[in-house]
Amino acid sequence: MNLGWATAEDAQALAEAHALAFDAPWKADEIGEMLASPGVFGFVAREARPLGMILCRAAADELEVLTLAVAPEIRRKGVAKALMAAALGAAREAGATEAFLEVAVDNYPAAALYAGLGFRRAGVRRNYYDRGPAGKTDALVMRLDLNDGSA
């Protein structure tokens, strides 16, 4: 697996990776605009094709994980953990002291990954994710102290 910084030129590859993981994926132009925004950065994992991606936003001393996507057939093989480690390392180097993310309350594998990296529950956002005809679901807000040596 090749893991590298994402650039605006990677927007299509990032969109392809995102589409493998989400029913309502982000489009390449949306990702390109995000990457051009202040404080936004990402990483992409590739082999012959994009396998996964992460987008984050850093502001002041905080990192927000905007999205993390990994192709379903390679989940639980360390790709998401590698993407998170790269993002958290970049955030620390940039001076961030804490990281936040939201995860659907019923996305147990992702919540377990984040907990394993040291993230702790910080709150709940009611009806945060729109699942179309299935309705809305809550998001668990998770926080990580980047100075505590985790992840």
C-alpha atoms as a PDB file:
ATOM      1  CA  MET A   1       0.000   0.000   0.000  1.00  0.00           C
ATOM      2  CA  ASN A   2       1.221   3.471  -0.901  1.00  0.00           C
ATOM      3  CA  LEU A   3       0.111   6.225   1.482  1.00  0.00           C
ATOM      4  CA  GLY A   4       0.648   9.841   0.491  1.00  0.00           C
ATOM      5  CA  TRP A   5      -0.508  13.395   0.967  1.00  0.00           C
ATOM      6  CA  ALA A   6      -3.622  14.260  -1.021  1.00  0.00           C
ATOM      7  CA  THR A   7      -3.543  17.198  -3.398  1.00  0.00           C
ATOM      8  CA  ALA A   8      -6.226  18.872  -5.494  1.00  0.00           C
ATOM      9  CA  GLU A   9      -5.030  16.678  -8.377  1.00  0.00           C
ATOM     10  CA  ASP A  10      -6.068  13.663  -6.301  1.00  0.00           C
ATOM     11  CA  ALA A  11      -9.683  14.828  -5.985  1.00  0.00           C
ATOM     12  CA  GLN A  12     -11.004  12.230  -8.441  1.00  0.00           C
ATOM     13  CA  ALA A  13      -9.116   9.393  -6.716  1.00  0.00           C
ATOM     14  CA  LEU A  14     -10.374  10.582  -3.337  1.00  0.00           C
ATOM     15  CA  ALA A  15     -13.934  10.713  -4.659  1.00  0.00           C
ATOM     16  CA  GLU A  16     -13.568   7.167  -6.004  1.00  0.00           C
ATOM     17  CA  ALA A  17     -12.328   5.948  -2.631  1.00  0.00           C
ATOM     18  CA  HIS A  18     -15.139   7.792  -0.838  1.00  0.00           C
ATOM     19  CA  ALA A  19     -17.721   6.268  -3.193  1.00  0.00           C
ATOM     20  CA  LEU A  20     -16.563   2.769  -2.240  1.00  0.00           C
ATOM     21  CA  ALA A  21     -17.476   3.424   1.394  1.00  0.00           C
ATOM     22  CA  PHE A  22     -20.540   5.693   1.425  1.00  0.00           C
ATOM     23  CA  ASP A  23     -24.006   5.584  -0.096  1.00  0.00           C
ATOM     24  CA  ALA A  24     -23.922   9.367  -0.647  1.00  0.00           C
ATOM     25  CA  PRO A  25     -20.296   9.955  -1.641  1.00  0.00           C
ATOM     26  CA  TRP A  26     -18.648  13.327  -2.035  1.00  0.00           C
ATOM     27  CA  LYS A  27     -17.965  14.425  -5.607  1.00  0.00           C
ATOM     28  CA  ALA A  28     -14.495  15.178  -6.946  1.00  0.00           C
ATOM     29  CA  ASP A  29     -15.212  18.899  -7.336  1.00  0.00           C
ATOM     30  CA  GLU A  30     -16.443  19.087  -3.727  1.00  0.00           C
ATOM     31  CA  ILE A  31     -13.294  17.367  -2.495  1.00  0.00           C
ATOM     32  CA  GLY A  32     -11.111  19.608  -4.667  1.00  0.00           C
ATOM     33  CA  GLU A  33     -12.769  22.704  -3.208  1.00  0.00           C
ATOM     34  CA  MET A  34     -12.272  21.359   0.301  1.00  0.00           C
ATOM     35  CA  LEU A  35      -8.589  20.661  -0.305  1.00  0.00           C
ATOM     36  CA  ALA A  36      -8.188  24.249  -1.522  1.00  0.00           C
ATOM     37  CA  SER A  37      -9.684  25.569   1.730  1.00  0.00           C
ATOM     38  CA  PRO A  38      -7.439  26.867   4.500  1.00  0.00           C
ATOM     39  CA  GLY A  39      -6.374  24.199   6.957  1.00  0.00           C
ATOM     40  CA  VAL A  40      -7.779  21.247   4.989  1.00  0.00           C
ATOM     41  CA  PHE A  41      -5.469  18.348   4.202  1.00  0.00           C
ATOM     42  CA  GLY A  42      -5.755  14.668   3.487  1.00  0.00           C
ATOM     43  CA  PHE A  43      -4.077  11.415   2.664  1.00  0.00           C
ATOM     44  CA  VAL A  44      -4.861   8.742   0.096  1.00  0.00           C
ATOM     45  CA  ALA A  45      -3.981   5.038   0.259  1.00  0.00           C
ATOM     46  CA  ARG A  46      -3.433   3.334  -3.092  1.00  0.00           C
ATOM     47  CA  GLU A  47      -2.376   0.137  -4.707  1.00  0.00           C
ATOM     48  CA  ALA A  48      -3.538  -0.280  -8.306  1.00  0.00           C
ATOM     49  CA  ARG A  49      -6.509   1.943  -7.374  1.00  0.00           C
ATOM     50  CA  PRO A  50      -7.500   4.152  -4.457  1.00  0.00           C
ATOM     51  CA  LEU A  51      -8.159   2.010  -1.377  1.00  0.00           C
ATOM     52  CA  GLY A  52      -8.975   4.681   1.151  1.00  0.00           C
ATOM     53  CA  MET A  53      -8.793   8.330   2.018  1.00  0.00           C
ATOM     54  CA  ILE A  54      -9.016  10.769   4.879  1.00  0.00           C
ATOM     55  CA  LEU A  55      -9.780  14.487   4.872  1.00  0.00           C
ATOM     56  CA  CYS A  56      -9.175  16.703   7.883  1.00  0.00           C
ATOM     57  CA  ARG A  57      -9.340  20.357   8.816  1.00  0.00           C
ATOM     58  CA  ALA A  58      -6.893  21.991  11.220  1.00  0.00           C
ATOM     59  CA  ALA A  59      -7.765  25.284  12.881  1.00  0.00           C
ATOM     60  CA  ALA A  60      -5.922  26.852  15.789  1.00  0.00           C
ATOM     61  CA  ASP A  61      -4.939  23.898  17.958  1.00  0.00           C
ATOM     62  CA  GLU A  62      -7.721  21.541  16.835  1.00  0.00           C
ATOM     63  CA  LEU A  63      -7.985  18.857  14.192  1.00  0.00           C
ATOM     64  CA  GLU A  64     -11.364  17.800  12.833  1.00  0.00           C
ATOM     65  CA  VAL A  65     -11.562  14.536  10.905  1.00  0.00           C
ATOM     66  CA  LEU A  66     -14.028  15.373   8.135  1.00  0.00           C
ATOM     67  CA  THR A  67     -14.247  11.935   6.557  1.00  0.00           C
ATOM     68  CA  LEU A  68     -12.473   8.607   6.480  1.00  0.00           C
ATOM     69  CA  ALA A  69     -13.306   6.043   3.818  1.00  0.00           C
ATOM     70  CA  VAL A  70     -11.915   2.580   3.088  1.00  0.00           C
ATOM     71  CA  ALA A  71     -13.052   0.146   0.401  1.00  0.00           C
ATOM     72  CA  PRO A  72     -15.278  -2.504   2.022  1.00  0.00           C
ATOM     73  CA  GLU A  73     -13.277  -5.482   0.764  1.00  0.00           C
ATOM     74  CA  ILE A  74     -10.090  -4.341   2.508  1.00  0.00           C
ATOM     75  CA  ARG A  75     -11.524  -3.151   5.803  1.00  0.00           C
ATOM     76  CA  ARG A  76      -9.898  -4.501   8.973  1.00  0.00           C
ATOM     77  CA  LYS A  77      -6.540  -4.740   7.233  1.00  0.00           C
ATOM     78  CA  GLY A  78      -4.972  -1.617   8.751  1.00  0.00           C
ATOM     79  CA  VAL A  79      -5.735   0.919   6.014  1.00  0.00           C
ATOM     80  CA  ALA A  80      -7.998   3.115   8.177  1.00  0.00           C
ATOM     81  CA  LYS A  81      -5.556   2.938  11.075  1.00  0.00           C
ATOM     82  CA  ALA A  82      -2.670   3.965   8.778  1.00  0.00           C
ATOM     83  CA  LEU A  83      -4.691   6.881   7.397  1.00  0.00           C
ATOM     84  CA  MET A  84      -5.635   8.014  10.907  1.00  0.00           C
ATOM     85  CA  ALA A  85      -2.034   7.704  12.121  1.00  0.00           C
ATOM     86  CA  ALA A  86      -0.801   9.838   9.216  1.00  0.00           C
ATOM     87  CA  ALA A  87      -3.444  12.499   9.852  1.00  0.00           C
ATOM     88  CA  LEU A  88      -2.876  12.577  13.608  1.00  0.00           C
ATOM     89  CA  GLY A  89       0.882  12.794  13.088  1.00  0.00           C
ATOM     90  CA  ALA A  90       0.474  15.698  10.662  1.00  0.00           C
ATOM     91  CA  ALA A  91      -1.837  17.429  13.137  1.00  0.00           C
ATOM     92  CA  ARG A  92       0.701  17.076  15.950  1.00  0.00           C
ATOM     93  CA  GLU A  93       3.453  18.455  13.714  1.00  0.00           C
ATOM     94  CA  ALA A  94       1.210  21.436  12.912  1.00  0.00           C
ATOM     95  CA  GLY A  95       0.721  22.107  16.622  1.00  0.00           C
ATOM     96  CA  ALA A  96      -2.759  20.668  17.166  1.00  0.00           C
ATOM     97  CA  THR A  97      -3.416  19.551  20.724  1.00  0.00           C
ATOM     98  CA  GLU A  98      -6.764  17.824  20.265  1.00  0.00           C
ATOM     99  CA  ALA A  99      -8.709  16.018  17.554  1.00  0.00           C
ATOM    100  CA  PHE A 100     -12.440  15.620  17.056  1.00  0.00           C
ATOM    101  CA  LEU A 101     -14.626  13.512  14.796  1.00  0.00           C
ATOM    102  CA  GLU A 102     -18.205  12.322  14.426  1.00  0.00           C
ATOM    103  CA  VAL A 103     -19.189   8.726  13.786  1.00  0.00           C
ATOM    104  CA  ALA A 104     -22.647   7.214  13.371  1.00  0.00           C
ATOM    105  CA  VAL A 105     -23.721   5.641  16.655  1.00  0.00           C
ATOM    106  CA  ASP A 106     -24.356   2.357  14.836  1.00  0.00           C
ATOM    107  CA  ASN A 107     -20.972   2.272  13.055  1.00  0.00           C
ATOM    108  CA  TYR A 108     -19.440  -0.045  15.641  1.00  0.00           C
ATOM    109  CA  PRO A 109     -16.272  -0.973  13.705  1.00  0.00           C
ATOM    110  CA  ALA A 110     -15.323   2.685  13.154  1.00  0.00           C
ATOM    111  CA  ALA A 111     -16.124   3.630  16.754  1.00  0.00           C
ATOM    112  CA  ALA A 112     -13.943   0.732  17.936  1.00  0.00           C
ATOM    113  CA  LEU A 113     -11.076   1.888  15.700  1.00  0.00           C
ATOM    114  CA  TYR A 114     -11.279   5.409  17.096  1.00  0.00           C
ATOM    115  CA  ALA A 115     -11.518   4.176  20.682  1.00  0.00           C
ATOM    116  CA  GLY A 116      -8.467   1.984  20.046  1.00  0.00           C
ATOM    117  CA  LEU A 117      -6.584   5.091  18.935  1.00  0.00           C
ATOM    118  CA  GLY A 118      -7.472   6.826  22.196  1.00  0.00           C
ATOM    119  CA  PHE A 119     -10.557   8.802  21.185  1.00  0.00           C
ATOM    120  CA  ARG A 120     -13.166   9.172  23.924  1.00  0.00           C
ATOM    121  CA  ARG A 121     -16.844  10.064  23.786  1.00  0.00           C
ATOM    122  CA  ALA A 122     -17.398  13.831  24.015  1.00  0.00           C
ATOM    123  CA  GLY A 123     -21.111  14.051  23.182  1.00  0.00           C
ATOM    124  CA  VAL A 124     -23.885  13.183  20.740  1.00  0.00           C
ATOM    125  CA  ARG A 125     -25.297  15.109  17.773  1.00  0.00           C
ATOM    126  CA  ARG A 126     -28.939  14.119  17.417  1.00  0.00           C
ATOM    127  CA  ASN A 127     -30.190  13.212  13.920  1.00  0.00           C
ATOM    128  CA  TYR A 128     -26.831  14.157  12.412  1.00  0.00           C
ATOM    129  CA  TYR A 129     -26.654  11.643   9.569  1.00  0.00           C
ATOM    130  CA  ASP A 130     -29.432  11.513   6.982  1.00  0.00           C
ATOM    131  CA  ARG A 131     -29.927   7.961   5.750  1.00  0.00           C
ATOM    132  CA  GLY A 132     -32.629   8.848   3.241  1.00  0.00           C
ATOM    133  CA  PRO A 133     -35.667   6.567   3.476  1.00  0.00           C
ATOM    134  CA  ALA A 134     -34.159   4.864   6.532  1.00  0.00           C
ATOM    135  CA  GLY A 135     -34.361   8.146   8.435  1.00  0.00           C
ATOM    136  CA  LYS A 136     -31.755   9.949  10.469  1.00  0.00           C
ATOM    137  CA  THR A 137     -29.291   8.615  12.997  1.00  0.00           C
ATOM    138  CA  ASP A 138     -27.263  10.216  15.743  1.00  0.00           C
ATOM    139  CA  ALA A 139     -23.546  10.886  15.629  1.00  0.00           C
ATOM    140  CA  LEU A 140     -21.200  10.136  18.462  1.00  0.00           C
ATOM    141  CA  VAL A 141     -18.727  13.011  18.906  1.00  0.00           C
ATOM    142  CA  MET A 142     -15.308  11.728  19.890  1.00  0.00           C
ATOM    143  CA  ARG A 143     -12.251  13.618  21.149  1.00  0.00           C
ATOM    144  CA  LEU A 144      -8.570  12.755  21.384  1.00  0.00           C
ATOM    145  CA  ASP A 145      -5.949  14.626  23.434  1.00  0.00           C
ATOM    146  CA  LEU A 146      -2.999  14.701  21.042  1.00  0.00           C
ATOM    147  CA  ASN A 147      -0.563  15.324  23.880  1.00  0.00           C
ATOM    148  CA  ASP A 148      -1.311  12.140  25.828  1.00  0.00           C
ATOM    149  CA  GLY A 149       0.821   9.817  23.702  1.00  0.00           C
ATOM    150  CA  SER A 150      -2.067   7.817  22.170  1.00  0.00           C
ATOM    151  CA  ALA A 151      -2.300   6.908  18.496  1.00  0.00           C
END
